[in-house]
Amino acid sequence: MLHLLYIFAFSILAVLAIVNLVRNLISLGIETRRGTGSVAASRPKQPRRVPHPELLDDDGNVLDEPLLVMRSISIKDAREQLDAIYESSGGGTSLEEPKED
């Protein structure tokens, strides 16, 4: 009995979704037939876009310089730098292998 109730409920939801889809497609078709300029003209003007705060300098001016400059380094140098950062953060003692006496 409960299975029939589920099937009935989901059937109603599916019919409502399809009716809504068809209604939206019809209204979209009517809007596009009215003219190509009328759809764009009916939209309100978009406000001026404000840039993200990270793209502004201290005075509020937009930065024109690149935000990230990368240089090529060898894998050995990168590994040494990462190890130095790791050891300076206090985590260097946990991964060291125990020394045998």
PDB file of N, CA and C in Angstrom:
ATOM      1  N   MET A   1       0.814  -1.193   0.000  1.00  0.00           N
ATOM      2  CA  MET A   1       0.000   0.000   0.000  1.00  0.00           C
ATOM      3  C   MET A   1       0.860   1.262   0.000  1.00  0.00           C
ATOM      4  N   LEU A   2       1.932   1.238   0.783  1.00  0.00           N
ATOM      5  CA  LEU A   2       2.819   2.383   0.865  1.00  0.00           C
ATOM      6  C   LEU A   2       3.533   2.611  -0.469  1.00  0.00           C
ATOM      7  N   HIS A   3       3.820   1.528  -1.189  1.00  0.00           N
ATOM      8  CA  HIS A   3       4.462   1.648  -2.492  1.00  0.00           C
ATOM      9  C   HIS A   3       3.564   2.402  -3.468  1.00  0.00           C
ATOM     10  N   LEU A   4       2.289   2.113  -3.437  1.00  0.00           N
ATOM     11  CA  LEU A   4       1.354   2.804  -4.331  1.00  0.00           C
ATOM     12  C   LEU A   4       1.274   4.294  -4.013  1.00  0.00           C
ATOM     13  N   LEU A   5       1.351   4.629  -2.734  1.00  0.00           N
ATOM     14  CA  LEU A   5       1.338   6.029  -2.329  1.00  0.00           C
ATOM     15  C   LEU A   5       2.572   6.753  -2.847  1.00  0.00           C
ATOM     16  N   TYR A   6       3.738   6.117  -2.759  1.00  0.00           N
ATOM     17  CA  TYR A   6       4.970   6.701  -3.294  1.00  0.00           C
ATOM     18  C   TYR A   6       4.879   6.893  -4.800  1.00  0.00           C
ATOM     19  N   ILE A   7       4.415   5.891  -5.507  1.00  0.00           N
ATOM     20  CA  ILE A   7       4.286   5.984  -6.962  1.00  0.00           C
ATOM     21  C   ILE A   7       3.331   7.103  -7.336  1.00  0.00           C
ATOM     22  N   PHE A   8       2.222   7.224  -6.625  1.00  0.00           N
ATOM     23  CA  PHE A   8       1.251   8.274  -6.903  1.00  0.00           C
ATOM     24  C   PHE A   8       1.851   9.660  -6.637  1.00  0.00           C
ATOM     25  N   ALA A   9       2.553   9.819  -5.520  1.00  0.00           N
ATOM     26  CA  ALA A   9       3.149  11.119  -5.174  1.00  0.00           C
ATOM     27  C   ALA A   9       4.208  11.519  -6.187  1.00  0.00           C
ATOM     28  N   PHE A  10       5.083  10.606  -6.562  1.00  0.00           N
ATOM     29  CA  PHE A  10       6.130  10.937  -7.528  1.00  0.00           C
ATOM     30  C   PHE A  10       5.559  11.151  -8.925  1.00  0.00           C
ATOM     31  N   SER A  11       4.474  10.494  -9.262  1.00  0.00           N
ATOM     32  CA  SER A  11       3.823  10.740 -10.547  1.00  0.00           C
ATOM     33  C   SER A  11       3.267  12.160 -10.602  1.00  0.00           C
ATOM     34  N   ILE A  12       2.660  12.610  -9.521  1.00  0.00           N
ATOM     35  CA  ILE A  12       2.146  13.978  -9.473  1.00  0.00           C
ATOM     36  C   ILE A  12       3.290  14.974  -9.590  1.00  0.00           C
ATOM     37  N   LEU A  13       4.374  14.742  -8.859  1.00  0.00           N
ATOM     38  CA  LEU A  13       5.527  15.637  -8.947  1.00  0.00           C
ATOM     39  C   LEU A  13       6.122  15.662 -10.349  1.00  0.00           C
ATOM     40  N   ALA A  14       6.190  14.525 -11.006  1.00  0.00           N
ATOM     41  CA  ALA A  14       6.734  14.463 -12.360  1.00  0.00           C
ATOM     42  C   ALA A  14       5.848  15.222 -13.335  1.00  0.00           C
ATOM     43  N   VAL A  15       4.537  15.084 -13.212  1.00  0.00           N
ATOM     44  CA  VAL A  15       3.620  15.802 -14.100  1.00  0.00           C
ATOM     45  C   VAL A  15       3.736  17.299 -13.874  1.00  0.00           C
ATOM     46  N   LEU A  16       3.823  17.742 -12.617  1.00  0.00           N
ATOM     47  CA  LEU A  16       3.987  19.165 -12.331  1.00  0.00           C
ATOM     48  C   LEU A  16       5.299  19.714 -12.909  1.00  0.00           C
ATOM     49  N   ALA A  17       6.363  18.944 -12.810  1.00  0.00           N
ATOM     50  CA  ALA A  17       7.645  19.381 -13.349  1.00  0.00           C
ATOM     51  C   ALA A  17       7.586  19.502 -14.867  1.00  0.00           C
ATOM     52  N   ILE A  18       6.966  18.553 -15.531  1.00  0.00           N
ATOM     53  CA  ILE A  18       6.875  18.600 -16.993  1.00  0.00           C
ATOM     54  C   ILE A  18       5.985  19.757 -17.431  1.00  0.00           C
ATOM     55  N   VAL A  19       4.866  19.994 -16.732  1.00  0.00           N
ATOM     56  CA  VAL A  19       3.988  21.121 -17.074  1.00  0.00           C
ATOM     57  C   VAL A  19       4.743  22.437 -16.911  1.00  0.00           C
ATOM     58  N   ASN A  20       5.512  22.564 -15.844  1.00  0.00           N
ATOM     59  CA  ASN A  20       6.288  23.777 -15.612  1.00  0.00           C
ATOM     60  C   ASN A  20       7.339  23.957 -16.705  1.00  0.00           C
ATOM     61  N   LEU A  21       7.999  22.885 -17.105  1.00  0.00           N
ATOM     62  CA  LEU A  21       8.996  22.950 -18.170  1.00  0.00           C
ATOM     63  C   LEU A  21       8.373  23.401 -19.477  1.00  0.00           C
ATOM     64  N   VAL A  22       7.240  22.833 -19.835  1.00  0.00           N
ATOM     65  CA  VAL A  22       6.570  23.206 -21.091  1.00  0.00           C
ATOM     66  C   VAL A  22       6.129  24.664 -21.030  1.00  0.00           C
ATOM     67  N   ARG A  23       5.573  25.105 -19.896  1.00  0.00           N
ATOM     68  CA  ARG A  23       5.133  26.489 -19.767  1.00  0.00           C
ATOM     69  C   ARG A  23       6.313  27.457 -19.904  1.00  0.00           C
ATOM     70  N   ASN A  24       7.471  27.126 -19.322  1.00  0.00           N
ATOM     71  CA  ASN A  24       8.653  27.977 -19.442  1.00  0.00           C
ATOM     72  C   ASN A  24       9.172  28.011 -20.872  1.00  0.00           C
ATOM     73  N   LEU A  25       9.150  26.867 -21.567  1.00  0.00           N
ATOM     74  CA  LEU A  25       9.586  26.843 -22.962  1.00  0.00           C
ATOM     75  C   LEU A  25       8.669  27.681 -23.845  1.00  0.00           C
ATOM     76  N   ILE A  26       7.370  27.630 -23.599  1.00  0.00           N
ATOM     77  CA  ILE A  26       6.430  28.418 -24.393  1.00  0.00           C
ATOM     78  C   ILE A  26       6.647  29.904 -24.141  1.00  0.00           C
ATOM     79  N   SER A  27       6.818  30.304 -22.876  1.00  0.00           N
ATOM     80  CA  SER A  27       7.028  31.728 -22.593  1.00  0.00           C
ATOM     81  C   SER A  27       8.356  32.213 -23.158  1.00  0.00           C
ATOM     82  N   LEU A  28       9.381  31.366 -23.157  1.00  0.00           N
ATOM     83  CA  LEU A  28      10.658  31.741 -23.753  1.00  0.00           C
ATOM     84  C   LEU A  28      10.517  31.907 -25.259  1.00  0.00           C
ATOM     85  N   GLY A  29       9.776  31.002 -25.896  1.00  0.00           N
ATOM     86  CA  GLY A  29       9.547  31.123 -27.336  1.00  0.00           C
ATOM     87  C   GLY A  29       8.783  32.382 -27.694  1.00  0.00           C
ATOM     88  N   ILE A  30       7.800  32.755 -26.887  1.00  0.00           N
ATOM     89  CA  ILE A  30       7.034  33.979 -27.144  1.00  0.00           C
ATOM     90  C   ILE A  30       7.928  35.203 -26.994  1.00  0.00           C
ATOM     91  N   GLU A  31       8.798  35.221 -25.985  1.00  0.00           N
ATOM     92  CA  GLU A  31       9.696  36.361 -25.779  1.00  0.00           C
ATOM     93  C   GLU A  31      10.669  36.519 -26.941  1.00  0.00           C
ATOM     94  N   THR A  32      11.177  35.415 -27.477  1.00  0.00           N
ATOM     95  CA  THR A  32      12.139  35.528 -28.571  1.00  0.00           C
ATOM     96  C   THR A  32      11.462  35.918 -29.883  1.00  0.00           C
ATOM     97  N   ARG A  33      10.190  35.585 -30.059  1.00  0.00           N
ATOM     98  CA  ARG A  33       9.480  35.972 -31.279  1.00  0.00           C
ATOM     99  C   ARG A  33       9.121  37.447 -31.300  1.00  0.00           C
ATOM    100  N   ARG A  34       9.028  38.072 -30.138  1.00  0.00           N
ATOM    101  CA  ARG A  34       8.678  39.488 -30.079  1.00  0.00           C
ATOM    102  C   ARG A  34       9.734  40.363 -30.729  1.00  0.00           C
ATOM    103  N   GLY A  35      10.931  39.914 -30.774  1.00  0.00           N
ATOM    104  CA  GLY A  35      12.010  40.670 -31.411  1.00  0.00           C
ATOM    105  C   GLY A  35      13.304  40.480 -30.659  1.00  0.00           C
ATOM    106  N   THR A  36      14.396  40.623 -31.390  1.00  0.00           N
ATOM    107  CA  THR A  36      15.691  40.416 -30.758  1.00  0.00           C
ATOM    108  C   THR A  36      16.063  41.579 -29.866  1.00  0.00           C
ATOM    109  N   GLY A  37      15.648  42.814 -30.223  1.00  0.00           N
ATOM    110  CA  GLY A  37      16.009  43.975 -29.419  1.00  0.00           C
ATOM    111  C   GLY A  37      15.136  44.141 -28.204  1.00  0.00           C
ATOM    112  N   SER A  38      13.925  43.608 -28.214  1.00  0.00           N
ATOM    113  CA  SER A  38      13.006  43.843 -27.107  1.00  0.00           C
ATOM    114  C   SER A  38      13.426  43.091 -25.845  1.00  0.00           C
ATOM    115  N   VAL A  39      14.054  41.936 -26.018  1.00  0.00           N
ATOM    116  CA  VAL A  39      14.467  41.175 -24.843  1.00  0.00           C
ATOM    117  C   VAL A  39      15.603  41.906 -24.136  1.00  0.00           C
ATOM    118  N   ALA A  40      16.571  42.397 -24.904  1.00  0.00           N
ATOM    119  CA  ALA A  40      17.690  43.109 -24.304  1.00  0.00           C
ATOM    120  C   ALA A  40      17.248  44.464 -23.767  1.00  0.00           C
ATOM    121  N   ALA A  41      16.292  45.109 -24.445  1.00  0.00           N
ATOM    122  CA  ALA A  41      15.840  46.426 -24.012  1.00  0.00           C
ATOM    123  C   ALA A  41      14.979  46.334 -22.762  1.00  0.00           C
ATOM    124  N   SER A  42      14.324  45.201 -22.536  1.00  0.00           N
ATOM    125  CA  SER A  42      13.456  45.067 -21.368  1.00  0.00           C
ATOM    126  C   SER A  42      14.238  44.796 -20.090  1.00  0.00           C
ATOM    127  N   ARG A  43      15.491  44.423 -20.218  1.00  0.00           N
ATOM    128  CA  ARG A  43      16.309  44.169 -19.038  1.00  0.00           C
ATOM    129  C   ARG A  43      16.734  45.496 -18.420  1.00  0.00           C
ATOM    130  N   PRO A  44      16.732  45.568 -17.095  1.00  0.00           N
ATOM    131  CA  PRO A  44      17.196  46.803 -16.458  1.00  0.00           C
ATOM    132  C   PRO A  44      18.704  46.950 -16.617  1.00  0.00           C
ATOM    133  N   LYS A  45      19.185  48.181 -16.547  1.00  0.00           N
ATOM    134  CA  LYS A  45      20.621  48.416 -16.653  1.00  0.00           C
ATOM    135  C   LYS A  45      21.337  47.745 -15.497  1.00  0.00           C
ATOM    136  N   GLN A  46      22.439  47.113 -15.800  1.00  0.00           N
ATOM    137  CA  GLN A  46      23.201  46.453 -14.749  1.00  0.00           C
ATOM    138  C   GLN A  46      24.063  47.490 -14.044  1.00  0.00           C
ATOM    139  N   PRO A  47      24.138  47.408 -12.721  1.00  0.00           N
ATOM    140  CA  PRO A  47      24.953  48.382 -11.997  1.00  0.00           C
ATOM    141  C   PRO A  47      26.428  48.190 -12.321  1.00  0.00           C
ATOM    142  N   ARG A  48      27.201  49.234 -12.077  1.00  0.00           N
ATOM    143  CA  ARG A  48      28.643  49.187 -12.332  1.00  0.00           C
ATOM    144  C   ARG A  48      29.273  48.121 -11.437  1.00  0.00           C
ATOM    145  N   ARG A  49      30.071  47.283 -12.030  1.00  0.00           N
ATOM    146  CA  ARG A  49      30.692  46.198 -11.276  1.00  0.00           C
ATOM    147  C   ARG A  49      31.822  46.734 -10.414  1.00  0.00           C
ATOM    148  N   VAL A  50      31.828  46.337  -9.169  1.00  0.00           N
ATOM    149  CA  VAL A  50      32.874  46.729  -8.236  1.00  0.00           C
ATOM    150  C   VAL A  50      33.897  45.601  -8.196  1.00  0.00           C
ATOM    151  N   PRO A  51      35.184  45.909  -8.387  1.00  0.00           N
ATOM    152  CA  PRO A  51      36.187  44.837  -8.386  1.00  0.00           C
ATOM    153  C   PRO A  51      36.363  44.254  -6.990  1.00  0.00           C
ATOM    154  N   HIS A  52      36.891  43.059  -6.974  1.00  0.00           N
ATOM    155  CA  HIS A  52      37.153  42.361  -5.719  1.00  0.00           C
ATOM    156  C   HIS A  52      38.190  43.144  -4.915  1.00  0.00           C
ATOM    157  N   PRO A  53      38.063  43.194  -3.587  1.00  0.00           N
ATOM    158  CA  PRO A  53      39.002  43.972  -2.765  1.00  0.00           C
ATOM    159  C   PRO A  53      40.463  43.561  -2.921  1.00  0.00           C
ATOM    160  N   GLU A  54      40.727  42.303  -3.269  1.00  0.00           N
ATOM    161  CA  GLU A  54      42.119  41.885  -3.443  1.00  0.00           C
ATOM    162  C   GLU A  54      42.744  42.483  -4.696  1.00  0.00           C
ATOM    163  N   LEU A  55      41.914  43.014  -5.614  1.00  0.00           N
ATOM    164  CA  LEU A  55      42.434  43.623  -6.832  1.00  0.00           C
ATOM    165  C   LEU A  55      42.663  45.115  -6.668  1.00  0.00           C
ATOM    166  N   LEU A  56      42.472  45.641  -5.457  1.00  0.00           N
ATOM    167  CA  LEU A  56      42.655  47.062  -5.192  1.00  0.00           C
ATOM    168  C   LEU A  56      43.881  47.266  -4.315  1.00  0.00           C
ATOM    169  N   ASP A  57      44.577  48.415  -4.525  1.00  0.00           N
ATOM    170  CA  ASP A  57      45.697  48.736  -3.659  1.00  0.00           C
ATOM    171  C   ASP A  57      45.186  49.449  -2.413  1.00  0.00           C
ATOM    172  N   ASP A  58      46.093  49.989  -1.611  1.00  0.00           N
ATOM    173  CA  ASP A  58      45.703  50.625  -0.343  1.00  0.00           C
ATOM    174  C   ASP A  58      44.840  51.866  -0.553  1.00  0.00           C
ATOM    175  N   ASP A  59      45.009  52.540  -1.688  1.00  0.00           N
ATOM    176  CA  ASP A  59      44.235  53.754  -1.972  1.00  0.00           C
ATOM    177  C   ASP A  59      42.905  53.460  -2.648  1.00  0.00           C
ATOM    178  N   GLY A  60      42.633  52.206  -3.003  1.00  0.00           N
ATOM    179  CA  GLY A  60      41.382  51.848  -3.656  1.00  0.00           C
ATOM    180  C   GLY A  60      41.454  51.841  -5.166  1.00  0.00           C
ATOM    181  N   ASN A  61      42.650  51.990  -5.720  1.00  0.00           N
ATOM    182  CA  ASN A  61      42.825  51.960  -7.170  1.00  0.00           C
ATOM    183  C   ASN A  61      43.025  50.526  -7.646  1.00  0.00           C
ATOM    184  N   VAL A  62      42.564  50.232  -8.863  1.00  0.00           N
ATOM    185  CA  VAL A  62      42.688  48.886  -9.419  1.00  0.00           C
ATOM    186  C   VAL A  62      44.145  48.610  -9.768  1.00  0.00           C
ATOM    187  N   LEU A  63      44.627  47.428  -9.375  1.00  0.00           N
ATOM    188  CA  LEU A  63      46.006  47.032  -9.678  1.00  0.00           C
ATOM    189  C   LEU A  63      46.141  46.640 -11.143  1.00  0.00           C
ATOM    190  N   ASP A  64      47.205  47.086 -11.766  1.00  0.00           N
ATOM    191  CA  ASP A  64      47.472  46.719 -13.158  1.00  0.00           C
ATOM    192  C   ASP A  64      48.640  45.755 -13.276  1.00  0.00           C
ATOM    193  N   GLU A  65      49.247  45.389 -12.173  1.00  0.00           N
ATOM    194  CA  GLU A  65      50.397  44.504 -12.203  1.00  0.00           C
ATOM    195  C   GLU A  65      49.956  43.070 -11.917  1.00  0.00           C
ATOM    196  N   PRO A  66      50.761  42.121 -12.321  1.00  0.00           N
ATOM    197  CA  PRO A  66      50.390  40.726 -12.060  1.00  0.00           C
ATOM    198  C   PRO A  66      50.386  40.443 -10.561  1.00  0.00           C
ATOM    199  N   LEU A  67      49.434  39.609 -10.132  1.00  0.00           N
ATOM    200  CA  LEU A  67      49.303  39.312  -8.718  1.00  0.00           C
ATOM    201  C   LEU A  67      50.206  38.172  -8.261  1.00  0.00           C
ATOM    202  N   LEU A  68      50.652  37.364  -9.187  1.00  0.00           N
ATOM    203  CA  LEU A  68      51.486  36.224  -8.822  1.00  0.00           C
ATOM    204  C   LEU A  68      52.605  36.088  -9.846  1.00  0.00           C
ATOM    205  N   VAL A  69      53.811  36.101  -9.365  1.00  0.00           N
ATOM    206  CA  VAL A  69      54.965  35.922 -10.239  1.00  0.00           C
ATOM    207  C   VAL A  69      55.657  34.644  -9.785  1.00  0.00           C
ATOM    208  N   MET A  70      55.817  33.725 -10.703  1.00  0.00           N
ATOM    209  CA  MET A  70      56.445  32.452 -10.367  1.00  0.00           C
ATOM    210  C   MET A  70      57.787  32.353 -11.089  1.00  0.00           C
ATOM    211  N   ARG A  71      58.739  31.799 -10.395  1.00  0.00           N
ATOM    212  CA  ARG A  71      60.024  31.555 -11.029  1.00  0.00           C
ATOM    213  C   ARG A  71      60.300  30.063 -10.973  1.00  0.00           C
ATOM    214  N   SER A  72      61.060  29.617 -11.894  1.00  0.00           N
ATOM    215  CA  SER A  72      61.339  28.206 -11.979  1.00  0.00           C
ATOM    216  C   SER A  72      62.501  27.860 -11.051  1.00  0.00           C
ATOM    217  N   ILE A  73      62.288  26.864 -10.193  1.00  0.00           N
ATOM    218  CA  ILE A  73      63.354  26.381  -9.325  1.00  0.00           C
ATOM    219  C   ILE A  73      63.411  24.869  -9.456  1.00  0.00           C
ATOM    220  N   SER A  74      64.519  24.327  -9.049  1.00  0.00           N
ATOM    221  CA  SER A  74      64.671  22.879  -9.157  1.00  0.00           C
ATOM    222  C   SER A  74      63.876  22.183  -8.057  1.00  0.00           C
ATOM    223  N   ILE A  75      63.649  20.915  -8.256  1.00  0.00           N
ATOM    224  CA  ILE A  75      62.898  20.138  -7.272  1.00  0.00           C
ATOM    225  C   ILE A  75      63.671  20.048  -5.965  1.00  0.00           C
ATOM    226  N   LYS A  76      64.984  19.961  -6.047  1.00  0.00           N
ATOM    227  CA  LYS A  76      65.807  19.882  -4.848  1.00  0.00           C
ATOM    228  C   LYS A  76      65.673  21.156  -4.011  1.00  0.00           C
ATOM    229  N   ASP A  77      65.715  22.323  -4.679  1.00  0.00           N
ATOM    230  CA  ASP A  77      65.556  23.591  -3.959  1.00  0.00           C
ATOM    231  C   ASP A  77      64.166  23.703  -3.338  1.00  0.00           C
ATOM    232  N   ALA A  78      63.154  23.283  -4.078  1.00  0.00           N
ATOM    233  CA  ALA A  78      61.791  23.335  -3.548  1.00  0.00           C
ATOM    234  C   ALA A  78      61.652  22.427  -2.340  1.00  0.00           C
ATOM    235  N   ARG A  79      62.229  21.236  -2.408  1.00  0.00           N
ATOM    236  CA  ARG A  79      62.167  20.297  -1.287  1.00  0.00           C
ATOM    237  C   ARG A  79      62.873  20.876  -0.066  1.00  0.00           C
ATOM    238  N   GLU A  80      64.038  21.512  -0.264  1.00  0.00           N
ATOM    239  CA  GLU A  80      64.761  22.110   0.863  1.00  0.00           C
ATOM    240  C   GLU A  80      63.957  23.240   1.501  1.00  0.00           C
ATOM    241  N   GLN A  81      63.317  24.061   0.673  1.00  0.00           N
ATOM    242  CA  GLN A  81      62.510  25.161   1.208  1.00  0.00           C
ATOM    243  C   GLN A  81      61.301  24.628   1.984  1.00  0.00           C
ATOM    244  N   LEU A  82      60.661  23.626   1.447  1.00  0.00           N
ATOM    245  CA  LEU A  82      59.516  23.046   2.152  1.00  0.00           C
ATOM    246  C   LEU A  82      59.933  22.378   3.450  1.00  0.00           C
ATOM    247  N   ASP A  83      61.067  21.686   3.439  1.00  0.00           N
ATOM    248  CA  ASP A  83      61.565  21.067   4.671  1.00  0.00           C
ATOM    249  C   ASP A  83      61.901  22.126   5.713  1.00  0.00           C
ATOM    250  N   ALA A  84      62.487  23.244   5.285  1.00  0.00           N
ATOM    251  CA  ALA A  84      62.831  24.315   6.220  1.00  0.00           C
ATOM    252  C   ALA A  84      61.570  24.922   6.825  1.00  0.00           C
ATOM    253  N   ILE A  85      60.557  25.120   6.023  1.00  0.00           N
ATOM    254  CA  ILE A  85      59.288  25.659   6.538  1.00  0.00           C
ATOM    255  C   ILE A  85      58.663  24.672   7.517  1.00  0.00           C
ATOM    256  N   TYR A  86      58.686  23.405   7.172  1.00  0.00           N
ATOM    257  CA  TYR A  86      58.099  22.380   8.030  1.00  0.00           C
ATOM    258  C   TYR A  86      58.827  22.291   9.366  1.00  0.00           C
ATOM    259  N   GLU A  87      60.153  22.316   9.312  1.00  0.00           N
ATOM    260  CA  GLU A  87      60.932  22.210  10.544  1.00  0.00           C
ATOM    261  C   GLU A  87      60.786  23.456  11.406  1.00  0.00           C
ATOM    262  N   SER A  88      60.639  24.629  10.778  1.00  0.00           N
ATOM    263  CA  SER A  88      60.496  25.856  11.568  1.00  0.00           C
ATOM    264  C   SER A  88      59.119  25.951  12.213  1.00  0.00           C
ATOM    265  N   SER A  89      58.150  25.202  11.705  1.00  0.00           N
ATOM    266  CA  SER A  89      56.814  25.244  12.299  1.00  0.00           C
ATOM    267  C   SER A  89      56.685  24.327  13.511  1.00  0.00           C
ATOM    268  N   GLY A  90      57.723  23.597  13.827  1.00  0.00           N
ATOM    269  CA  GLY A  90      57.687  22.737  15.003  1.00  0.00           C
ATOM    270  C   GLY A  90      57.285  21.313  14.700  1.00  0.00           C
ATOM    271  N   GLY A  91      57.117  20.965  13.448  1.00  0.00           N
ATOM    272  CA  GLY A  91      56.707  19.613  13.109  1.00  0.00           C
ATOM    273  C   GLY A  91      57.841  18.759  12.611  1.00  0.00           C
ATOM    274  N   GLY A  92      59.063  19.242  12.704  1.00  0.00           N
ATOM    275  CA  GLY A  92      60.184  18.513  12.150  1.00  0.00           C
ATOM    276  C   GLY A  92      60.594  17.303  12.928  1.00  0.00           C
ATOM    277  N   THR A  93      60.246  17.211  14.197  1.00  0.00           N
ATOM    278  CA  THR A  93      60.717  16.089  15.008  1.00  0.00           C
ATOM    279  C   THR A  93      59.857  14.850  14.848  1.00  0.00           C
ATOM    280  N   SER A  94      58.595  14.984  14.389  1.00  0.00           N
ATOM    281  CA  SER A  94      57.710  13.828  14.365  1.00  0.00           C
ATOM    282  C   SER A  94      57.988  12.874  13.192  1.00  0.00           C
ATOM    283  N   LEU A  95      58.537  13.375  12.087  1.00  0.00           N
ATOM    284  CA  LEU A  95      58.752  12.516  10.941  1.00  0.00           C
ATOM    285  C   LEU A  95      60.192  12.008  10.811  1.00  0.00           C
ATOM    286  N   GLU A  96      61.067  12.475  11.675  1.00  0.00           N
ATOM    287  CA  GLU A  96      62.447  12.019  11.582  1.00  0.00           C
ATOM    288  C   GLU A  96      62.516  10.551  11.994  1.00  0.00           C
ATOM    289  N   GLU A  97      63.329   9.821  11.273  1.00  0.00           N
ATOM    290  CA  GLU A  97      63.477   8.409  11.580  1.00  0.00           C
ATOM    291  C   GLU A  97      64.338   8.246  12.846  1.00  0.00           C
ATOM    292  N   PRO A  98      63.994   7.288  13.662  1.00  0.00           N
ATOM    293  CA  PRO A  98      64.786   7.075  14.875  1.00  0.00           C
ATOM    294  C   PRO A  98      66.210   6.620  14.527  1.00  0.00           C
ATOM    295  N   LYS A  99      67.170   7.187  15.224  1.00  0.00           N
ATOM    296  CA  LYS A  99      68.557   6.822  14.970  1.00  0.00           C
ATOM    297  C   LYS A  99      68.916   5.585  15.775  1.00  0.00           C
ATOM    298  N   GLU A 100      69.634   4.695  15.120  1.00  0.00           N
ATOM    299  CA  GLU A 100      70.068   3.483  15.797  1.00  0.00           C
ATOM    300  C   GLU A 100      71.440   3.717  16.408  1.00  0.00           C
ATOM    301  N   ASP A 101      71.602   3.305  17.643  1.00  0.00           N
ATOM    302  CA  ASP A 101      72.897   3.475  18.333  1.00  0.00           C
ATOM    303  C   ASP A 101      73.781   2.292  18.167  1.00  0.00           C
TER     304      ASP A 101
END
